Structure formats: structure tokens, C-alpha cells
Amino acid sequence: IAAIRWSTDNTYCADSVKGRFTISRDNAKNTVYLQM
């Protein structure tokens, strides 16, 4: 449903959830969030 590239922060979001879900990463790069 969503993915993030570590080195670039590029993201992917599936069409089924696009516009509703957001993937992000914190500054420590050890936690990733999925906001739904």
C-alpha cells in the first residue's frame, strides 16, 4: 500500500489508498509512520 526509499525519501502509494494514506519517516530514520 505504501513504500519509502531510504536514501531519497521518494514514496509510493497504491491507488486504492492514494489521497488518504501518507507514509513518512522521522529524523532518526528508525521509525516510519503510516498516516491513515
PDB file of all heavy atoms in Angstrom:
ATOM      1  N   ILE A   1       0.805  -1.209   0.000  1.00  0.00           N
ATOM      2  CA  ILE A   1       0.000   0.000   0.000  1.00  0.00           C
ATOM      3  C   ILE A   1       0.846   1.270   0.000  1.00  0.00           C
ATOM      4  O   ILE A   1       0.388   2.307  -0.477  1.00  0.00           O
ATOM      5  CB  ILE A   1      -0.989   0.030   1.173  1.00  0.00           C
ATOM      6  CG1 ILE A   1      -0.277  -0.117   2.516  1.00  0.00           C
ATOM      7  CG2 ILE A   1      -2.028  -1.084   1.011  1.00  0.00           C
ATOM      8  CD1 ILE A   1      -1.199   0.072   3.705  1.00  0.00           C
ATOM      9  N   ALA A   2       2.060   1.220   0.520  1.00  0.00           N
ATOM     10  CA  ALA A   2       2.925   2.395   0.542  1.00  0.00           C
ATOM     11  C   ALA A   2       4.356   1.959   0.789  1.00  0.00           C
ATOM     12  O   ALA A   2       4.597   0.951   1.457  1.00  0.00           O
ATOM     13  CB  ALA A   2       2.485   3.402   1.605  1.00  0.00           C
ATOM     14  N   ALA A   3       5.310   2.727   0.262  1.00  0.00           N
ATOM     15  CA  ALA A   3       6.718   2.432   0.466  1.00  0.00           C
ATOM     16  C   ALA A   3       7.518   3.720   0.405  1.00  0.00           C
ATOM     17  O   ALA A   3       7.086   4.702  -0.218  1.00  0.00           O
ATOM     18  CB  ALA A   3       7.233   1.435  -0.575  1.00  0.00           C
ATOM     19  N   ILE A   4       8.685   3.709   1.038  1.00  0.00           N
ATOM     20  CA  ILE A   4       9.554   4.875   1.057  1.00  0.00           C
ATOM     21  C   ILE A   4      10.983   4.434   0.798  1.00  0.00           C
ATOM     22  O   ILE A   4      11.448   3.432   1.338  1.00  0.00           O
ATOM     23  CB  ILE A   4       9.424   5.646   2.393  1.00  0.00           C
ATOM     24  CG1 ILE A   4      10.231   6.939   2.357  1.00  0.00           C
ATOM     25  CG2 ILE A   4       9.823   4.775   3.579  1.00  0.00           C
ATOM     26  CD1 ILE A   4       9.899   7.885   3.505  1.00  0.00           C
ATOM     27  N   ARG A   5      11.671   5.178  -0.046  1.00  0.00           N
ATOM     28  CA  ARG A   5      13.075   4.932  -0.345  1.00  0.00           C
ATOM     29  C   ARG A   5      13.932   5.637   0.704  1.00  0.00           C
ATOM     30  O   ARG A   5      13.775   6.849   0.925  1.00  0.00           O
ATOM     31  CB  ARG A   5      13.418   5.433  -1.747  1.00  0.00           C
ATOM     32  CG  ARG A   5      14.861   5.152  -2.188  1.00  0.00           C
ATOM     33  CD  ARG A   5      15.009   3.723  -2.670  1.00  0.00           C
ATOM     34  NE  ARG A   5      14.311   3.517  -3.919  1.00  0.00           N
ATOM     35  CZ  ARG A   5      14.112   2.332  -4.482  1.00  0.00           C
ATOM     36  NH1 ARG A   5      14.546   1.229  -3.894  1.00  0.00           N
ATOM     37  NH2 ARG A   5      13.469   2.259  -5.640  1.00  0.00           N
ATOM     38  N   TRP A   6      14.837   4.897   1.343  1.00  0.00           N
ATOM     39  CA  TRP A   6      15.600   5.445   2.457  1.00  0.00           C
ATOM     40  C   TRP A   6      16.503   6.599   2.052  1.00  0.00           C
ATOM     41  O   TRP A   6      16.596   7.598   2.773  1.00  0.00           O
ATOM     42  CB  TRP A   6      16.424   4.339   3.103  1.00  0.00           C
ATOM     43  CG  TRP A   6      16.328   4.283   4.596  1.00  0.00           C
ATOM     44  CD1 TRP A   6      17.344   4.423   5.483  1.00  0.00           C
ATOM     45  CD2 TRP A   6      15.146   4.061   5.372  1.00  0.00           C
ATOM     46  NE1 TRP A   6      16.880   4.307   6.763  1.00  0.00           N
ATOM     47  CE2 TRP A   6      15.532   4.078   6.730  1.00  0.00           C
ATOM     48  CE3 TRP A   6      13.807   3.849   5.048  1.00  0.00           C
ATOM     49  CZ2 TRP A   6      14.622   3.897   7.761  1.00  0.00           C
ATOM     50  CZ3 TRP A   6      12.896   3.671   6.079  1.00  0.00           C
ATOM     51  CH2 TRP A   6      13.303   3.690   7.412  1.00  0.00           C
ATOM     52  N   SER A   7      17.185   6.488   0.928  1.00  0.00           N
ATOM     53  CA  SER A   7      18.192   7.467   0.553  1.00  0.00           C
ATOM     54  C   SER A   7      17.618   8.742  -0.037  1.00  0.00           C
ATOM     55  O   SER A   7      18.276   9.792   0.023  1.00  0.00           O
ATOM     56  CB  SER A   7      19.177   6.849  -0.439  1.00  0.00           C
ATOM     57  OG  SER A   7      18.525   6.454  -1.625  1.00  0.00           O
ATOM     58  N   THR A   8      16.431   8.683  -0.599  1.00  0.00           N
ATOM     59  CA  THR A   8      15.862   9.822  -1.310  1.00  0.00           C
ATOM     60  C   THR A   8      14.545  10.322  -0.733  1.00  0.00           C
ATOM     61  O   THR A   8      14.098  11.409  -1.103  1.00  0.00           O
ATOM     62  CB  THR A   8      15.628   9.478  -2.784  1.00  0.00           C
ATOM     63  OG1 THR A   8      14.641   8.444  -2.875  1.00  0.00           O
ATOM     64  CG2 THR A   8      16.915   9.008  -3.443  1.00  0.00           C
ATOM     65  N   ASP A   9      13.912   9.555   0.122  1.00  0.00           N
ATOM     66  CA  ASP A   9      12.578   9.848   0.649  1.00  0.00           C
ATOM     67  C   ASP A   9      11.500   9.821  -0.427  1.00  0.00           C
ATOM     68  O   ASP A   9      10.389  10.309  -0.198  1.00  0.00           O
ATOM     69  CB  ASP A   9      12.544  11.183   1.391  1.00  0.00           C
ATOM     70  CG  ASP A   9      13.071  11.090   2.808  1.00  0.00           C
ATOM     71  OD1 ASP A   9      13.104   9.975   3.365  1.00  0.00           O
ATOM     72  OD2 ASP A   9      13.448  12.139   3.371  1.00  0.00           O
ATOM     73  N   ASN A  10      11.816   9.286  -1.587  1.00  0.00           N
ATOM     74  CA  ASN A  10      10.768   9.063  -2.579  1.00  0.00           C
ATOM     75  C   ASN A  10       9.743   8.086  -2.017  1.00  0.00           C
ATOM     76  O   ASN A  10      10.089   7.146  -1.300  1.00  0.00           O
ATOM     77  CB  ASN A  10      11.356   8.501  -3.871  1.00  0.00           C
ATOM     78  CG  ASN A  10      12.126   9.535  -4.659  1.00  0.00           C
ATOM     79  OD1 ASN A  10      12.090  10.731  -4.363  1.00  0.00           O
ATOM     80  ND2 ASN A  10      12.826   9.078  -5.691  1.00  0.00           N
ATOM     81  N   THR A  11       8.499   8.299  -2.354  1.00  0.00           N
ATOM     82  CA  THR A  11       7.430   7.470  -1.814  1.00  0.00           C
ATOM     83  C   THR A  11       6.564   6.902  -2.923  1.00  0.00           C
ATOM     84  O   THR A  11       6.489   7.432  -4.032  1.00  0.00           O
ATOM     85  CB  THR A  11       6.543   8.252  -0.838  1.00  0.00           C
ATOM     86  OG1 THR A  11       5.955   9.375  -1.499  1.00  0.00           O
ATOM     87  CG2 THR A  11       7.349   8.734   0.354  1.00  0.00           C
ATOM     88  N   TYR A  12       5.920   5.801  -2.588  1.00  0.00           N
ATOM     89  CA  TYR A  12       4.942   5.161  -3.452  1.00  0.00           C
ATOM     90  C   TYR A  12       3.671   4.956  -2.639  1.00  0.00           C
ATOM     91  O   TYR A  12       3.735   4.646  -1.443  1.00  0.00           O
ATOM     92  CB  TYR A  12       5.449   3.809  -3.959  1.00  0.00           C
ATOM     93  CG  TYR A  12       4.360   2.899  -4.475  1.00  0.00           C
ATOM     94  CD1 TYR A  12       3.871   3.031  -5.766  1.00  0.00           C
ATOM     95  CD2 TYR A  12       3.811   1.917  -3.660  1.00  0.00           C
ATOM     96  CE1 TYR A  12       2.866   2.210  -6.234  1.00  0.00           C
ATOM     97  CE2 TYR A  12       2.803   1.091  -4.121  1.00  0.00           C
ATOM     98  CZ  TYR A  12       2.334   1.239  -5.414  1.00  0.00           C
ATOM     99  OH  TYR A  12       1.331   0.422  -5.876  1.00  0.00           O
ATOM    100  N   CYS A  13       2.552   5.129  -3.296  1.00  0.00           N
ATOM    101  CA  CYS A  13       1.274   4.893  -2.651  1.00  0.00           C
ATOM    102  C   CYS A  13       0.346   4.204  -3.641  1.00  0.00           C
ATOM    103  O   CYS A  13       0.211   4.653  -4.780  1.00  0.00           O
ATOM    104  CB  CYS A  13       0.671   6.217  -2.169  1.00  0.00           C
ATOM    105  SG  CYS A  13      -0.737   6.028  -1.062  1.00  0.00           S
ATOM    106  N   ALA A  14      -0.275   3.132  -3.213  1.00  0.00           N
ATOM    107  CA  ALA A  14      -1.179   2.388  -4.073  1.00  0.00           C
ATOM    108  C   ALA A  14      -2.417   3.211  -4.397  1.00  0.00           C
ATOM    109  O   ALA A  14      -2.871   4.036  -3.594  1.00  0.00           O
ATOM    110  CB  ALA A  14      -1.580   1.074  -3.413  1.00  0.00           C
ATOM    111  N   ASP A  15      -2.974   2.967  -5.577  1.00  0.00           N
ATOM    112  CA  ASP A  15      -4.151   3.711  -5.999  1.00  0.00           C
ATOM    113  C   ASP A  15      -5.324   3.553  -5.031  1.00  0.00           C
ATOM    114  O   ASP A  15      -6.122   4.475  -4.857  1.00  0.00           O
ATOM    115  CB  ASP A  15      -4.585   3.267  -7.393  1.00  0.00           C
ATOM    116  CG  ASP A  15      -3.623   3.716  -8.483  1.00  0.00           C
ATOM    117  OD1 ASP A  15      -2.841   4.653  -8.240  1.00  0.00           O
ATOM    118  OD2 ASP A  15      -3.665   3.133  -9.577  1.00  0.00           O
ATOM    119  N   SER A  16      -5.409   2.394  -4.389  1.00  0.00           N
ATOM    120  CA  SER A  16      -6.529   2.130  -3.507  1.00  0.00           C
ATOM    121  C   SER A  16      -6.551   3.027  -2.273  1.00  0.00           C
ATOM    122  O   SER A  16      -7.609   3.202  -1.656  1.00  0.00           O
ATOM    123  CB  SER A  16      -6.529   0.661  -3.078  1.00  0.00           C
ATOM    124  OG  SER A  16      -5.330   0.329  -2.406  1.00  0.00           O
ATOM    125  N   VAL A  17      -5.396   3.592  -1.904  1.00  0.00           N
ATOM    126  CA  VAL A  17      -5.324   4.426  -0.714  1.00  0.00           C
ATOM    127  C   VAL A  17      -4.764   5.810  -1.001  1.00  0.00           C
ATOM    128  O   VAL A  17      -4.660   6.633  -0.076  1.00  0.00           O
ATOM    129  CB  VAL A  17      -4.491   3.757   0.390  1.00  0.00           C
ATOM    130  CG1 VAL A  17      -5.108   2.427   0.789  1.00  0.00           C
ATOM    131  CG2 VAL A  17      -3.051   3.555  -0.063  1.00  0.00           C
ATOM    132  N   LYS A  18      -4.420   6.086  -2.245  1.00  0.00           N
ATOM    133  CA  LYS A  18      -3.827   7.371  -2.598  1.00  0.00           C
ATOM    134  C   LYS A  18      -4.785   8.513  -2.258  1.00  0.00           C
ATOM    135  O   LYS A  18      -5.977   8.449  -2.527  1.00  0.00           O
ATOM    136  CB  LYS A  18      -3.472   7.394  -4.081  1.00  0.00           C
ATOM    137  CG  LYS A  18      -2.646   8.596  -4.518  1.00  0.00           C
ATOM    138  CD  LYS A  18      -2.194   8.452  -5.975  1.00  0.00           C
ATOM    139  CE  LYS A  18      -1.288   7.254  -6.160  1.00  0.00           C
ATOM    140  NZ  LYS A  18      -0.797   7.135  -7.561  1.00  0.00           N
ATOM    141  N   GLY A  19      -4.216   9.554  -1.648  1.00  0.00           N
ATOM    142  CA  GLY A  19      -5.017  10.680  -1.210  1.00  0.00           C
ATOM    143  C   GLY A  19      -5.538  10.553   0.199  1.00  0.00           C
ATOM    144  O   GLY A  19      -5.987  11.547   0.786  1.00  0.00           O
ATOM    145  N   ARG A  20      -5.509   9.352   0.763  1.00  0.00           N
ATOM    146  CA  ARG A  20      -5.962   9.119   2.129  1.00  0.00           C
ATOM    147  C   ARG A  20      -4.824   8.707   3.059  1.00  0.00           C
ATOM    148  O   ARG A  20      -4.832   9.069   4.233  1.00  0.00           O
ATOM    149  CB  ARG A  20      -7.056   8.052   2.162  1.00  0.00           C
ATOM    150  CG  ARG A  20      -8.303   8.423   1.375  1.00  0.00           C
ATOM    151  CD  ARG A  20      -9.420   7.411   1.607  1.00  0.00           C
ATOM    152  NE  ARG A  20      -9.055   6.073   1.131  1.00  0.00           N
ATOM    153  CZ  ARG A  20      -8.984   4.993   1.901  1.00  0.00           C
ATOM    154  NH1 ARG A  20      -9.268   5.084   3.194  1.00  0.00           N
ATOM    155  NH2 ARG A  20      -8.659   3.818   1.385  1.00  0.00           N
ATOM    156  N   PHE A  21      -3.869   7.939   2.543  1.00  0.00           N
ATOM    157  CA  PHE A  21      -2.761   7.436   3.354  1.00  0.00           C
ATOM    158  C   PHE A  21      -1.479   8.165   2.985  1.00  0.00           C
ATOM    159  O   PHE A  21      -1.243   8.486   1.815  1.00  0.00           O
ATOM    160  CB  PHE A  21      -2.545   5.937   3.134  1.00  0.00           C
ATOM    161  CG  PHE A  21      -3.645   5.051   3.670  1.00  0.00           C
ATOM    162  CD1 PHE A  21      -4.841   5.570   4.130  1.00  0.00           C
ATOM    163  CD2 PHE A  21      -3.458   3.678   3.703  1.00  0.00           C
ATOM    164  CE1 PHE A  21      -5.842   4.752   4.615  1.00  0.00           C
ATOM    165  CE2 PHE A  21      -4.450   2.842   4.181  1.00  0.00           C
ATOM    166  CZ  PHE A  21      -5.638   3.379   4.639  1.00  0.00           C
ATOM    167  N   THR A  22      -0.614   8.398   3.968  1.00  0.00           N
ATOM    168  CA  THR A  22       0.670   9.047   3.758  1.00  0.00           C
ATOM    169  C   THR A  22       1.738   8.303   4.540  1.00  0.00           C
ATOM    170  O   THR A  22       1.559   8.031   5.727  1.00  0.00           O
ATOM    171  CB  THR A  22       0.646  10.518   4.197  1.00  0.00           C
ATOM    172  OG1 THR A  22      -0.376  11.220   3.491  1.00  0.00           O
ATOM    173  CG2 THR A  22       1.991  11.185   3.902  1.00  0.00           C
ATOM    174  N   ILE A  23       2.848   7.993   3.876  1.00  0.00           N
ATOM    175  CA  ILE A  23       3.975   7.358   4.536  1.00  0.00           C
ATOM    176  C   ILE A  23       5.047   8.412   4.794  1.00  0.00           C
ATOM    177  O   ILE A  23       5.283   9.289   3.957  1.00  0.00           O
ATOM    178  CB  ILE A  23       4.532   6.186   3.701  1.00  0.00           C
ATOM    179  CG1 ILE A  23       5.604   5.419   4.478  1.00  0.00           C
ATOM    180  CG2 ILE A  23       5.047   6.657   2.353  1.00  0.00           C
ATOM    181  CD1 ILE A  23       6.034   4.117   3.809  1.00  0.00           C
ATOM    182  N   SER A  24       5.692   8.355   5.953  1.00  0.00           N
ATOM    183  CA  SER A  24       6.735   9.303   6.307  1.00  0.00           C
ATOM    184  C   SER A  24       7.722   8.647   7.257  1.00  0.00           C
ATOM    185  O   SER A  24       7.446   7.589   7.823  1.00  0.00           O
ATOM    186  CB  SER A  24       6.145  10.567   6.939  1.00  0.00           C
ATOM    187  OG  SER A  24       5.462  10.267   8.142  1.00  0.00           O
ATOM    188  N   ARG A  25       8.869   9.293   7.432  1.00  0.00           N
ATOM    189  CA  ARG A  25       9.941   8.778   8.269  1.00  0.00           C
ATOM    190  C   ARG A  25      10.412   9.870   9.214  1.00  0.00           C
ATOM    191  O   ARG A  25      10.489  11.047   8.838  1.00  0.00           O
ATOM    192  CB  ARG A  25      11.095   8.285   7.384  1.00  0.00           C
ATOM    193  CG  ARG A  25      12.241   7.618   8.136  1.00  0.00           C
ATOM    194  CD  ARG A  25      13.314   7.170   7.150  1.00  0.00           C
ATOM    195  NE  ARG A  25      13.923   8.307   6.467  1.00  0.00           N
ATOM    196  CZ  ARG A  25      14.760   8.196   5.453  1.00  0.00           C
ATOM    197  NH1 ARG A  25      15.075   6.996   4.970  1.00  0.00           N
ATOM    198  NH2 ARG A  25      15.268   9.285   4.892  1.00  0.00           N
ATOM    199  N   ASP A  26      10.769   9.506  10.457  1.00  0.00           N
ATOM    200  CA  ASP A  26      11.228  10.507  11.407  1.00  0.00           C
ATOM    201  C   ASP A  26      12.696  10.841  11.180  1.00  0.00           C
ATOM    202  O   ASP A  26      13.391  10.180  10.388  1.00  0.00           O
ATOM    203  CB  ASP A  26      10.945  10.051  12.843  1.00  0.00           C
ATOM    204  CG  ASP A  26      11.848   8.925  13.309  1.00  0.00           C
ATOM    205  OD1 ASP A  26      12.700   8.448  12.539  1.00  0.00           O
ATOM    206  OD2 ASP A  26      11.692   8.500  14.477  1.00  0.00           O
ATOM    207  N   ASN A  27      13.182  11.878  11.885  1.00  0.00           N
ATOM    208  CA  ASN A  27      14.542  12.362  11.674  1.00  0.00           C
ATOM    209  C   ASN A  27      15.604  11.343  12.064  1.00  0.00           C
ATOM    210  O   ASN A  27      16.715  11.361  11.517  1.00  0.00           O
ATOM    211  CB  ASN A  27      14.766  13.662  12.457  1.00  0.00           C
ATOM    212  CG  ASN A  27      13.971  14.823  11.906  1.00  0.00           C
ATOM    213  OD1 ASN A  27      13.648  14.860  10.722  1.00  0.00           O
ATOM    214  ND2 ASN A  27      13.663  15.790  12.756  1.00  0.00           N
ATOM    215  N   ALA A  28      15.303  10.492  13.005  1.00  0.00           N
ATOM    216  CA  ALA A  28      16.258   9.480  13.442  1.00  0.00           C
ATOM    217  C   ALA A  28      16.365   8.321  12.460  1.00  0.00           C
ATOM    218  O   ALA A  28      17.248   7.477  12.608  1.00  0.00           O
ATOM    219  CB  ALA A  28      15.881   8.961  14.819  1.00  0.00           C
ATOM    220  N   LYS A  29      15.466   8.265  11.502  1.00  0.00           N
ATOM    221  CA  LYS A  29      15.447   7.222  10.476  1.00  0.00           C
ATOM    222  C   LYS A  29      15.305   5.831  11.051  1.00  0.00           C
ATOM    223  O   LYS A  29      15.778   4.845  10.485  1.00  0.00           O
ATOM    224  CB  LYS A  29      16.689   7.304   9.590  1.00  0.00           C
ATOM    225  CG  LYS A  29      16.827   8.605   8.823  1.00  0.00           C
ATOM    226  CD  LYS A  29      18.057   8.586   7.920  1.00  0.00           C
ATOM    227  CE  LYS A  29      18.178   9.879   7.133  1.00  0.00           C
ATOM    228  NZ  LYS A  29      19.365   9.874   6.236  1.00  0.00           N
ATOM    229  N   ASN A  30      14.632   5.749  12.176  1.00  0.00           N
ATOM    230  CA  ASN A  30      14.393   4.440  12.756  1.00  0.00           C
ATOM    231  C   ASN A  30      12.911   4.125  12.957  1.00  0.00           C
ATOM    232  O   ASN A  30      12.574   3.027  13.426  1.00  0.00           O
ATOM    233  CB  ASN A  30      15.144   4.276  14.075  1.00  0.00           C
ATOM    234  CG  ASN A  30      14.698   5.273  15.136  1.00  0.00           C
ATOM    235  OD1 ASN A  30      13.855   6.129  14.899  1.00  0.00           O
ATOM    236  ND2 ASN A  30      15.268   5.150  16.327  1.00  0.00           N
ATOM    237  N   THR A  31      12.048   5.070  12.609  1.00  0.00           N
ATOM    238  CA  THR A  31      10.617   4.857  12.714  1.00  0.00           C
ATOM    239  C   THR A  31       9.920   5.407  11.481  1.00  0.00           C
ATOM    240  O   THR A  31      10.194   6.530  11.072  1.00  0.00           O
ATOM    241  CB  THR A  31      10.031   5.519  13.968  1.00  0.00           C
ATOM    242  OG1 THR A  31      10.660   4.984  15.136  1.00  0.00           O
ATOM    243  CG2 THR A  31       8.528   5.277  14.061  1.00  0.00           C
ATOM    244  N   VAL A  32       9.050   4.618  10.910  1.00  0.00           N
ATOM    245  CA  VAL A  32       8.258   5.024   9.759  1.00  0.00           C
ATOM    246  C   VAL A  32       6.792   5.000  10.145  1.00  0.00           C
ATOM    247  O   VAL A  32       6.343   4.081  10.839  1.00  0.00           O
ATOM    248  CB  VAL A  32       8.528   4.116   8.547  1.00  0.00           C
ATOM    249  CG1 VAL A  32       7.543   4.404   7.416  1.00  0.00           C
ATOM    250  CG2 VAL A  32       9.948   4.324   8.049  1.00  0.00           C
ATOM    251  N   TYR A  33       6.061   5.997   9.694  1.00  0.00           N
ATOM    252  CA  TYR A  33       4.661   6.129  10.027  1.00  0.00           C
ATOM    253  C   TYR A  33       3.790   5.937   8.793  1.00  0.00           C
ATOM    254  O   TYR A  33       4.191   6.236   7.670  1.00  0.00           O
ATOM    255  CB  TYR A  33       4.372   7.512  10.622  1.00  0.00           C
ATOM    256  CG  TYR A  33       5.231   7.851  11.816  1.00  0.00           C
ATOM    257  CD1 TYR A  33       6.347   8.672  11.679  1.00  0.00           C
ATOM    258  CD2 TYR A  33       4.929   7.341  13.069  1.00  0.00           C
ATOM    259  CE1 TYR A  33       7.138   8.980  12.763  1.00  0.00           C
ATOM    260  CE2 TYR A  33       5.722   7.648  14.161  1.00  0.00           C
ATOM    261  CZ  TYR A  33       6.822   8.466  14.011  1.00  0.00           C
ATOM    262  OH  TYR A  33       7.610   8.768  15.090  1.00  0.00           O
ATOM    263  N   LEU A  34       2.606   5.440   9.035  1.00  0.00           N
ATOM    264  CA  LEU A  34       1.571   5.394   8.016  1.00  0.00           C
ATOM    265  C   LEU A  34       0.363   6.129   8.569  1.00  0.00           C
ATOM    266  O   LEU A  34      -0.339   5.604   9.444  1.00  0.00           O
ATOM    267  CB  LEU A  34       1.208   3.961   7.639  1.00  0.00           C
ATOM    268  CG  LEU A  34       0.191   3.824   6.503  1.00  0.00           C
ATOM    269  CD1 LEU A  34       0.797   4.295   5.179  1.00  0.00           C
ATOM    270  CD2 LEU A  34      -0.311   2.392   6.379  1.00  0.00           C
ATOM    271  N   GLN A  35       0.157   7.345   8.087  1.00  0.00           N
ATOM    272  CA  GLN A  35      -0.998   8.130   8.483  1.00  0.00           C
ATOM    273  C   GLN A  35      -2.177   7.738   7.609  1.00  0.00           C
ATOM    274  O   GLN A  35      -2.109   7.865   6.388  1.00  0.00           O
ATOM    275  CB  GLN A  35      -0.709   9.627   8.346  1.00  0.00           C
ATOM    276  CG  GLN A  35      -1.872  10.529   8.717  1.00  0.00           C
ATOM    277  CD  GLN A  35      -2.221  10.466  10.186  1.00  0.00           C
ATOM    278  OE1 GLN A  35      -1.336  10.497  11.039  1.00  0.00           O
ATOM    279  NE2 GLN A  35      -3.507  10.347  10.486  1.00  0.00           N
ATOM    280  N   MET A  36      -3.238   7.276   8.227  1.00  0.00           N
ATOM    281  CA  MET A  36      -4.412   6.799   7.520  1.00  0.00           C
ATOM    282  C   MET A  36      -5.590   7.689   7.873  1.00  0.00           C
ATOM    283  O   MET A  36      -6.006   7.752   9.031  1.00  0.00           O
ATOM    284  CB  MET A  36      -4.712   5.342   7.871  1.00  0.00           C
ATOM    285  CG  MET A  36      -3.536   4.402   7.639  1.00  0.00           C
ATOM    286  SD  MET A  36      -3.959   2.658   7.916  1.00  0.00           S
ATOM    287  CE  MET A  36      -4.298   2.689   9.675  1.00  0.00           C
TER     288      MET A  36
END
